[in-house]
Amino acid sequence: MKEKVLEKEFIEMIQNHDRIIYKIASFYTDKDTPLSDLYQEVVLNLWRGFPLFRGDSKVSTWIYRIVLNTCVSFFRKQKKKPVYVEISKDIAAEQSNNDDIKELYNLINKLGKLERALVLLYLDEKSYQEMADITGLSLSNVATKLSRIKNKLKQMSNELN
């Protein structure tokens, strides 16, 4: 009976946070790795960790951390560098005609894995404290890295123009 309750809670959690999982996983997908493979790996890791989740942080913070760590680890194991990013089916369809958005995401795709993770969290309007909790960085390190990333993106954009 306890197993059924746990399974029901897990399924509900996945359904409630599906957009977060999809968005992050799609951010780390490349042409050789189908989104479904990475998504499946993420859900498996969430399932493995779910019984151990103590509730010390918000569920969304815990999910972000598991998803980001899974994506980075997945590519580290594969020794591949992501080359294609699709933000989400809905967003990509809505913004397909917006060249500035396309350029921004092409530039973001050229960043390192941690830099991309921080930009993703920034675009999701996470506070610096939430970013620190999710990534395991200190608050001052998050602020410093974001400042450097913004400058790096500006420089990359200027070099294109």
N, C-alpha and C. Protein backbone atom coordinates (compact mmCIF):
# COMPACT_ATOMS: atom_id res chain seq x y z
N MET A 1 0.83 -1.20 0.00
CA MET A 1 0.00 0.00 0.00
C MET A 1 0.87 1.26 0.00
N LYS A 2 1.93 1.26 0.82
CA LYS A 2 2.83 2.41 0.90
C LYS A 2 3.48 2.68 -0.46
N GLU A 3 3.82 1.61 -1.18
CA GLU A 3 4.43 1.73 -2.51
C GLU A 3 3.48 2.44 -3.48
N LYS A 4 2.19 2.13 -3.41
CA LYS A 4 1.19 2.76 -4.30
C LYS A 4 1.06 4.25 -3.99
N VAL A 5 1.08 4.60 -2.72
CA VAL A 5 0.98 6.01 -2.31
C VAL A 5 2.21 6.77 -2.80
N LEU A 6 3.38 6.18 -2.62
CA LEU A 6 4.62 6.79 -3.08
C LEU A 6 4.60 6.99 -4.59
N GLU A 7 4.14 5.98 -5.31
CA GLU A 7 4.07 6.06 -6.76
C GLU A 7 3.09 7.15 -7.19
N LYS A 8 1.95 7.24 -6.54
CA LYS A 8 0.95 8.25 -6.87
C LYS A 8 1.51 9.66 -6.62
N GLU A 9 2.20 9.85 -5.49
CA GLU A 9 2.80 11.15 -5.17
C GLU A 9 3.87 11.51 -6.20
N PHE A 10 4.66 10.53 -6.60
CA PHE A 10 5.71 10.77 -7.58
C PHE A 10 5.11 11.19 -8.92
N ILE A 11 4.12 10.46 -9.39
CA ILE A 11 3.48 10.78 -10.68
C ILE A 11 2.89 12.18 -10.64
N GLU A 12 2.25 12.53 -9.53
CA GLU A 12 1.66 13.86 -9.39
C GLU A 12 2.76 14.93 -9.42
N MET A 13 3.88 14.65 -8.74
CA MET A 13 4.99 15.60 -8.73
C MET A 13 5.53 15.80 -10.14
N ILE A 14 5.72 14.72 -10.88
CA ILE A 14 6.22 14.80 -12.26
C ILE A 14 5.25 15.61 -13.12
N GLN A 15 3.97 15.34 -12.98
CA GLN A 15 2.98 16.07 -13.77
C GLN A 15 2.98 17.56 -13.43
N ASN A 16 3.14 17.89 -12.16
CA ASN A 16 3.14 19.29 -11.74
C ASN A 16 4.40 20.05 -12.17
N HIS A 17 5.49 19.33 -12.39
CA HIS A 17 6.76 19.97 -12.72
C HIS A 17 7.29 19.53 -14.09
N ASP A 18 6.43 19.00 -14.90
CA ASP A 18 6.82 18.47 -16.21
C ASP A 18 7.47 19.55 -17.09
N ARG A 19 6.96 20.75 -17.03
CA ARG A 19 7.50 21.83 -17.86
C ARG A 19 8.95 22.15 -17.49
N ILE A 20 9.25 22.16 -16.20
CA ILE A 20 10.63 22.41 -15.75
C ILE A 20 11.54 21.31 -16.27
N ILE A 21 11.11 20.07 -16.10
CA ILE A 21 11.93 18.93 -16.52
C ILE A 21 12.15 18.97 -18.02
N TYR A 22 11.09 19.19 -18.77
CA TYR A 22 11.20 19.23 -20.23
C TYR A 22 12.12 20.36 -20.69
N LYS A 23 11.93 21.53 -20.09
CA LYS A 23 12.71 22.70 -20.52
C LYS A 23 14.21 22.49 -20.29
N ILE A 24 14.57 22.04 -19.11
CA ILE A 24 15.99 21.85 -18.82
C ILE A 24 16.57 20.73 -19.68
N ALA A 25 15.86 19.62 -19.78
CA ALA A 25 16.36 18.50 -20.58
C ALA A 25 16.51 18.91 -22.04
N SER A 26 15.56 19.67 -22.56
CA SER A 26 15.66 20.08 -23.96
C SER A 26 16.81 21.07 -24.17
N PHE A 27 17.15 21.81 -23.12
CA PHE A 27 18.26 22.75 -23.19
C PHE A 27 19.60 22.03 -23.37
N TYR A 28 19.67 20.79 -22.89
CA TYR A 28 20.90 20.01 -22.96
C TYR A 28 20.85 18.92 -24.04
N THR A 29 19.82 18.90 -24.85
CA THR A 29 19.70 17.91 -25.90
C THR A 29 20.54 18.32 -27.10
N ASP A 30 21.14 17.34 -27.73
CA ASP A 30 21.86 17.63 -28.97
C ASP A 30 21.30 16.74 -30.08
N LYS A 31 21.86 16.90 -31.27
CA LYS A 31 21.30 16.19 -32.42
C LYS A 31 21.45 14.68 -32.32
N ASP A 32 22.40 14.20 -31.51
CA ASP A 32 22.61 12.76 -31.37
C ASP A 32 21.89 12.15 -30.18
N THR A 33 21.34 12.97 -29.33
CA THR A 33 20.66 12.48 -28.13
C THR A 33 19.21 12.92 -28.16
N PRO A 34 18.31 12.00 -28.41
CA PRO A 34 16.89 12.38 -28.42
C PRO A 34 16.45 12.88 -27.04
N LEU A 35 15.57 13.84 -27.06
CA LEU A 35 15.04 14.40 -25.82
C LEU A 35 14.42 13.30 -24.96
N SER A 36 13.79 12.35 -25.60
CA SER A 36 13.13 11.28 -24.84
C SER A 36 14.13 10.48 -24.02
N ASP A 37 15.34 10.26 -24.53
CA ASP A 37 16.36 9.52 -23.78
C ASP A 37 16.79 10.29 -22.54
N LEU A 38 17.05 11.57 -22.72
CA LEU A 38 17.48 12.39 -21.60
C LEU A 38 16.35 12.57 -20.59
N TYR A 39 15.15 12.78 -21.07
CA TYR A 39 13.98 12.93 -20.20
C TYR A 39 13.80 11.66 -19.35
N GLN A 40 13.94 10.52 -19.99
CA GLN A 40 13.79 9.24 -19.30
C GLN A 40 14.86 9.08 -18.21
N GLU A 41 16.08 9.47 -18.52
CA GLU A 41 17.17 9.42 -17.54
C GLU A 41 16.87 10.33 -16.35
N VAL A 42 16.33 11.50 -16.62
CA VAL A 42 15.98 12.45 -15.56
C VAL A 42 14.90 11.86 -14.66
N VAL A 43 13.84 11.35 -15.26
CA VAL A 43 12.73 10.80 -14.47
C VAL A 43 13.21 9.61 -13.64
N LEU A 44 14.08 8.79 -14.20
CA LEU A 44 14.63 7.66 -13.46
C LEU A 44 15.40 8.15 -12.23
N ASN A 45 16.23 9.17 -12.41
CA ASN A 45 16.98 9.71 -11.28
C ASN A 45 16.08 10.38 -10.25
N LEU A 46 15.02 11.02 -10.72
CA LEU A 46 14.05 11.60 -9.78
C LEU A 46 13.37 10.49 -8.97
N TRP A 47 13.02 9.41 -9.64
CA TRP A 47 12.36 8.28 -8.97
C TRP A 47 13.30 7.67 -7.91
N ARG A 48 14.57 7.53 -8.28
CA ARG A 48 15.55 6.96 -7.33
C ARG A 48 15.72 7.87 -6.10
N GLY A 49 15.68 9.16 -6.31
CA GLY A 49 15.89 10.09 -5.21
C GLY A 49 14.64 10.46 -4.45
N PHE A 50 13.48 10.19 -5.02
CA PHE A 50 12.22 10.63 -4.42
C PHE A 50 12.01 10.13 -2.99
N PRO A 51 12.27 8.87 -2.70
CA PRO A 51 12.07 8.40 -1.31
C PRO A 51 13.02 9.08 -0.32
N LEU A 52 14.14 9.61 -0.83
CA LEU A 52 15.14 10.24 0.04
C LEU A 52 14.90 11.74 0.23
N PHE A 53 13.97 12.31 -0.56
CA PHE A 53 13.71 13.75 -0.47
C PHE A 53 13.09 14.06 0.89
N ARG A 54 13.80 14.91 1.66
CA ARG A 54 13.39 15.22 3.04
C ARG A 54 12.51 16.46 3.13
N GLY A 55 12.44 17.22 2.08
CA GLY A 55 11.64 18.43 2.11
C GLY A 55 12.39 19.62 2.71
N ASP A 56 13.73 19.54 2.75
CA ASP A 56 14.53 20.65 3.28
C ASP A 56 14.48 21.86 2.35
N SER A 57 14.15 21.63 1.10
CA SER A 57 14.01 22.72 0.13
C SER A 57 12.67 22.54 -0.59
N LYS A 58 12.34 23.51 -1.43
CA LYS A 58 11.12 23.38 -2.21
C LYS A 58 11.29 22.22 -3.19
N VAL A 59 10.19 21.58 -3.55
CA VAL A 59 10.23 20.48 -4.50
C VAL A 59 10.83 20.94 -5.82
N SER A 60 10.46 22.14 -6.27
CA SER A 60 10.97 22.64 -7.55
C SER A 60 12.48 22.84 -7.50
N THR A 61 13.01 23.28 -6.36
CA THR A 61 14.46 23.44 -6.21
C THR A 61 15.15 22.09 -6.29
N TRP A 62 14.60 21.10 -5.61
CA TRP A 62 15.15 19.74 -5.65
C TRP A 62 15.11 19.19 -7.08
N ILE A 63 14.01 19.40 -7.77
CA ILE A 63 13.87 18.92 -9.15
C ILE A 63 14.89 19.58 -10.05
N TYR A 64 15.01 20.91 -9.96
CA TYR A 64 16.01 21.63 -10.77
C TYR A 64 17.39 21.01 -10.57
N ARG A 65 17.74 20.79 -9.32
CA ARG A 65 19.08 20.27 -9.01
C ARG A 65 19.28 18.88 -9.62
N ILE A 66 18.31 17.99 -9.46
CA ILE A 66 18.41 16.63 -10.01
C ILE A 66 18.48 16.69 -11.54
N VAL A 67 17.62 17.50 -12.15
CA VAL A 67 17.59 17.59 -13.61
C VAL A 67 18.91 18.13 -14.15
N LEU A 68 19.39 19.22 -13.57
CA LEU A 68 20.66 19.80 -14.04
C LEU A 68 21.82 18.82 -13.85
N ASN A 69 21.90 18.19 -12.68
CA ASN A 69 22.98 17.23 -12.44
C ASN A 69 22.89 16.04 -13.39
N THR A 70 21.68 15.57 -13.66
CA THR A 70 21.50 14.45 -14.57
C THR A 70 21.94 14.82 -15.98
N CYS A 71 21.53 15.99 -16.43
CA CYS A 71 21.89 16.42 -17.79
C CYS A 71 23.40 16.58 -17.95
N VAL A 72 24.02 17.24 -16.99
CA VAL A 72 25.46 17.45 -17.06
C VAL A 72 26.19 16.10 -16.99
N SER A 73 25.77 15.24 -16.08
CA SER A 73 26.40 13.91 -15.95
C SER A 73 26.19 13.06 -17.19
N PHE A 74 25.02 13.15 -17.78
CA PHE A 74 24.69 12.37 -18.97
C PHE A 74 25.67 12.71 -20.09
N PHE A 75 25.92 14.00 -20.29
CA PHE A 75 26.83 14.40 -21.35
C PHE A 75 28.29 14.17 -20.98
N ARG A 76 28.58 14.23 -19.70
CA ARG A 76 29.95 13.92 -19.28
C ARG A 76 30.26 12.45 -19.58
N LYS A 77 29.30 11.58 -19.30
CA LYS A 77 29.47 10.15 -19.59
C LYS A 77 29.59 9.91 -21.08
N GLN A 78 28.78 10.61 -21.84
CA GLN A 78 28.78 10.43 -23.29
C GLN A 78 29.96 11.12 -23.96
N LYS A 79 30.61 12.03 -23.19
CA LYS A 79 31.73 12.84 -23.71
C LYS A 79 31.34 13.55 -25.00
N LYS A 80 30.15 14.12 -24.96
CA LYS A 80 29.64 14.86 -26.10
C LYS A 80 29.46 16.31 -25.70
N LYS A 81 29.51 17.17 -26.69
CA LYS A 81 29.22 18.57 -26.46
C LYS A 81 27.90 18.88 -27.14
N PRO A 82 26.91 19.40 -26.40
CA PRO A 82 25.63 19.73 -27.02
C PRO A 82 25.82 20.78 -28.12
N VAL A 83 25.12 20.57 -29.22
CA VAL A 83 25.24 21.51 -30.32
C VAL A 83 23.91 22.08 -30.76
N TYR A 84 22.79 21.54 -30.27
CA TYR A 84 21.49 22.04 -30.70
C TYR A 84 20.61 22.23 -29.48
N VAL A 85 19.92 23.35 -29.42
CA VAL A 85 19.05 23.63 -28.29
C VAL A 85 17.66 23.96 -28.81
N GLU A 86 16.67 23.33 -28.23
CA GLU A 86 15.28 23.70 -28.47
C GLU A 86 14.70 23.99 -27.09
N ILE A 87 14.25 25.19 -26.87
CA ILE A 87 13.82 25.60 -25.54
C ILE A 87 12.61 24.79 -25.11
N SER A 88 11.58 24.78 -25.88
CA SER A 88 10.42 23.93 -25.67
C SER A 88 9.59 23.99 -26.93
N LYS A 89 8.77 23.00 -27.11
CA LYS A 89 7.95 22.97 -28.33
C LYS A 89 7.07 24.21 -28.42
N ASP A 90 6.42 24.56 -27.29
CA ASP A 90 5.51 25.70 -27.29
C ASP A 90 6.26 27.01 -27.54
N ILE A 91 7.31 27.23 -26.78
CA ILE A 91 8.06 28.48 -26.89
C ILE A 91 8.72 28.58 -28.26
N ALA A 92 9.31 27.49 -28.72
CA ALA A 92 10.00 27.51 -30.01
C ALA A 92 9.02 27.84 -31.13
N ALA A 93 7.83 27.29 -31.08
CA ALA A 93 6.83 27.55 -32.11
C ALA A 93 6.38 29.01 -32.07
N GLU A 94 6.17 29.54 -30.86
CA GLU A 94 5.71 30.92 -30.71
C GLU A 94 6.77 31.93 -31.14
N GLN A 95 8.03 31.58 -30.97
CA GLN A 95 9.08 32.56 -31.19
C GLN A 95 9.95 32.24 -32.40
N SER A 96 9.46 31.37 -33.27
CA SER A 96 10.30 30.93 -34.38
C SER A 96 10.67 32.07 -35.32
N ASN A 97 9.88 33.14 -35.34
CA ASN A 97 10.17 34.27 -36.24
C ASN A 97 11.01 35.35 -35.58
N ASN A 98 11.38 35.17 -34.35
CA ASN A 98 12.10 36.21 -33.63
C ASN A 98 13.60 35.95 -33.70
N ASP A 99 14.28 36.68 -34.58
CA ASP A 99 15.71 36.48 -34.81
C ASP A 99 16.55 36.79 -33.57
N ASP A 100 16.15 37.80 -32.80
CA ASP A 100 16.91 38.15 -31.60
C ASP A 100 16.91 37.00 -30.59
N ILE A 101 15.77 36.38 -30.42
CA ILE A 101 15.67 35.24 -29.50
C ILE A 101 16.51 34.08 -30.00
N LYS A 102 16.46 33.83 -31.29
CA LYS A 102 17.27 32.75 -31.87
C LYS A 102 18.75 33.02 -31.66
N GLU A 103 19.16 34.26 -31.89
CA GLU A 103 20.57 34.62 -31.72
C GLU A 103 20.99 34.44 -30.27
N LEU A 104 20.15 34.89 -29.34
CA LEU A 104 20.46 34.77 -27.93
C LEU A 104 20.66 33.30 -27.55
N TYR A 105 19.76 32.44 -27.97
CA TYR A 105 19.87 31.04 -27.60
C TYR A 105 21.02 30.34 -28.32
N ASN A 106 21.37 30.79 -29.49
CA ASN A 106 22.57 30.26 -30.14
C ASN A 106 23.81 30.63 -29.35
N LEU A 107 23.84 31.86 -28.85
CA LEU A 107 24.97 32.30 -28.03
C LEU A 107 25.01 31.54 -26.70
N ILE A 108 23.85 31.37 -26.08
CA ILE A 108 23.78 30.63 -24.81
C ILE A 108 24.28 29.20 -25.01
N ASN A 109 23.96 28.61 -26.15
CA ASN A 109 24.38 27.24 -26.44
C ASN A 109 25.89 27.11 -26.52
N LYS A 110 26.60 28.21 -26.76
CA LYS A 110 28.06 28.19 -26.85
C LYS A 110 28.72 28.29 -25.48
N LEU A 111 27.93 28.57 -24.45
CA LEU A 111 28.47 28.68 -23.10
C LEU A 111 28.76 27.30 -22.53
N GLY A 112 29.51 27.26 -21.46
CA GLY A 112 29.78 26.01 -20.75
C GLY A 112 28.51 25.51 -20.05
N LYS A 113 28.57 24.29 -19.58
CA LYS A 113 27.39 23.66 -18.97
C LYS A 113 26.87 24.42 -17.74
N LEU A 114 27.76 24.80 -16.84
CA LEU A 114 27.33 25.52 -15.65
C LEU A 114 26.81 26.90 -16.02
N GLU A 115 27.47 27.55 -16.98
CA GLU A 115 27.01 28.87 -17.42
C GLU A 115 25.61 28.77 -18.01
N ARG A 116 25.36 27.75 -18.83
CA ARG A 116 24.02 27.56 -19.40
C ARG A 116 22.99 27.31 -18.31
N ALA A 117 23.36 26.54 -17.32
CA ALA A 117 22.44 26.25 -16.22
C ALA A 117 22.07 27.55 -15.49
N LEU A 118 23.05 28.38 -15.22
CA LEU A 118 22.78 29.65 -14.54
C LEU A 118 21.91 30.57 -15.39
N VAL A 119 22.18 30.63 -16.68
CA VAL A 119 21.35 31.46 -17.57
C VAL A 119 19.91 30.93 -17.59
N LEU A 120 19.76 29.63 -17.65
CA LEU A 120 18.42 29.03 -17.65
C LEU A 120 17.68 29.40 -16.37
N LEU A 121 18.34 29.30 -15.24
CA LEU A 121 17.72 29.67 -13.97
C LEU A 121 17.40 31.16 -13.92
N TYR A 122 18.30 31.98 -14.46
CA TYR A 122 18.08 33.43 -14.53
C TYR A 122 16.86 33.75 -15.39
N LEU A 123 16.76 33.09 -16.53
CA LEU A 123 15.62 33.31 -17.42
C LEU A 123 14.32 32.81 -16.81
N ASP A 124 14.42 31.85 -15.90
CA ASP A 124 13.24 31.37 -15.18
C ASP A 124 12.93 32.25 -13.97
N GLU A 125 13.66 33.37 -13.85
CA GLU A 125 13.45 34.36 -12.80
C GLU A 125 13.64 33.79 -11.40
N LYS A 126 14.61 32.87 -11.27
CA LYS A 126 14.96 32.35 -9.96
C LYS A 126 15.81 33.40 -9.24
N SER A 127 15.65 33.48 -7.93
CA SER A 127 16.48 34.41 -7.15
C SER A 127 17.90 33.86 -7.09
N TYR A 128 18.83 34.74 -6.74
CA TYR A 128 20.22 34.29 -6.61
C TYR A 128 20.32 33.20 -5.55
N GLN A 129 19.53 33.32 -4.48
CA GLN A 129 19.56 32.31 -3.43
C GLN A 129 19.06 30.97 -3.97
N GLU A 130 17.99 30.99 -4.76
CA GLU A 130 17.48 29.75 -5.35
C GLU A 130 18.52 29.14 -6.29
N MET A 131 19.19 30.00 -7.06
CA MET A 131 20.23 29.51 -7.97
C MET A 131 21.36 28.86 -7.17
N ALA A 132 21.73 29.47 -6.07
CA ALA A 132 22.79 28.92 -5.21
C ALA A 132 22.36 27.56 -4.65
N ASP A 133 21.11 27.48 -4.19
CA ASP A 133 20.59 26.22 -3.64
C ASP A 133 20.59 25.12 -4.70
N ILE A 134 20.19 25.47 -5.91
CA ILE A 134 20.07 24.47 -6.98
C ILE A 134 21.44 24.01 -7.47
N THR A 135 22.35 24.95 -7.64
CA THR A 135 23.65 24.61 -8.23
C THR A 135 24.70 24.20 -7.20
N GLY A 136 24.47 24.55 -5.94
CA GLY A 136 25.46 24.25 -4.91
C GLY A 136 26.56 25.29 -4.83
N LEU A 137 26.43 26.38 -5.57
CA LEU A 137 27.40 27.47 -5.51
C LEU A 137 27.05 28.40 -4.36
N SER A 138 28.02 29.20 -3.94
CA SER A 138 27.73 30.21 -2.92
C SER A 138 26.95 31.35 -3.59
N LEU A 139 26.28 32.13 -2.77
CA LEU A 139 25.50 33.25 -3.28
C LEU A 139 26.39 34.25 -4.02
N SER A 140 27.55 34.56 -3.45
CA SER A 140 28.44 35.51 -4.11
C SER A 140 29.01 34.94 -5.41
N ASN A 141 29.24 33.64 -5.44
CA ASN A 141 29.74 33.00 -6.65
C ASN A 141 28.69 33.06 -7.76
N VAL A 142 27.42 32.86 -7.41
CA VAL A 142 26.33 32.97 -8.40
C VAL A 142 26.31 34.37 -8.99
N ALA A 143 26.37 35.39 -8.14
CA ALA A 143 26.34 36.77 -8.60
C ALA A 143 27.52 37.09 -9.50
N THR A 144 28.70 36.64 -9.11
CA THR A 144 29.90 36.89 -9.90
C THR A 144 29.82 36.20 -11.25
N LYS A 145 29.43 34.93 -11.23
CA LYS A 145 29.35 34.16 -12.48
C LYS A 145 28.30 34.76 -13.42
N LEU A 146 27.15 35.17 -12.89
CA LEU A 146 26.11 35.76 -13.75
C LEU A 146 26.60 37.07 -14.37
N SER A 147 27.30 37.86 -13.61
CA SER A 147 27.84 39.11 -14.15
C SER A 147 28.82 38.81 -15.29
N ARG A 148 29.68 37.84 -15.08
CA ARG A 148 30.65 37.47 -16.13
C ARG A 148 29.95 36.88 -17.34
N ILE A 149 28.92 36.09 -17.11
CA ILE A 149 28.18 35.47 -18.22
C ILE A 149 27.50 36.55 -19.06
N LYS A 150 26.88 37.54 -18.40
CA LYS A 150 26.23 38.63 -19.13
C LYS A 150 27.23 39.37 -19.99
N ASN A 151 28.40 39.66 -19.43
CA ASN A 151 29.45 40.33 -20.19
C ASN A 151 29.93 39.47 -21.36
N LYS A 152 30.07 38.20 -21.11
CA LYS A 152 30.51 37.27 -22.15
C LYS A 152 29.50 37.21 -23.29
N LEU A 153 28.21 37.17 -22.96
CA LEU A 153 27.17 37.14 -23.98
C LEU A 153 27.15 38.45 -24.79
N LYS A 154 27.35 39.58 -24.11
CA LYS A 154 27.41 40.87 -24.81
C LYS A 154 28.58 40.89 -25.78
N GLN A 155 29.73 40.42 -25.32
CA GLN A 155 30.92 40.38 -26.16
C GLN A 155 30.71 39.45 -27.36
N MET A 156 30.13 38.29 -27.13
CA MET A 156 29.87 37.35 -28.22
C MET A 156 28.90 37.95 -29.23
N SER A 157 27.90 38.67 -28.73
CA SER A 157 26.92 39.30 -29.60
C SER A 157 27.56 40.41 -30.44
N ASN A 158 28.42 41.21 -29.80
CA ASN A 158 29.12 42.29 -30.52
C ASN A 158 30.03 41.73 -31.62
N GLU A 159 30.64 40.59 -31.36
CA GLU A 159 31.53 39.97 -32.36
C GLU A 159 30.75 39.49 -33.58
N LEU A 160 29.48 39.15 -33.39
CA LEU A 160 28.64 38.71 -34.52
C LEU A 160 28.18 39.89 -35.37
N ASN A 161 28.03 41.04 -34.73
CA ASN A 161 27.47 42.21 -35.44
C ASN A 161 28.51 43.09 -36.02
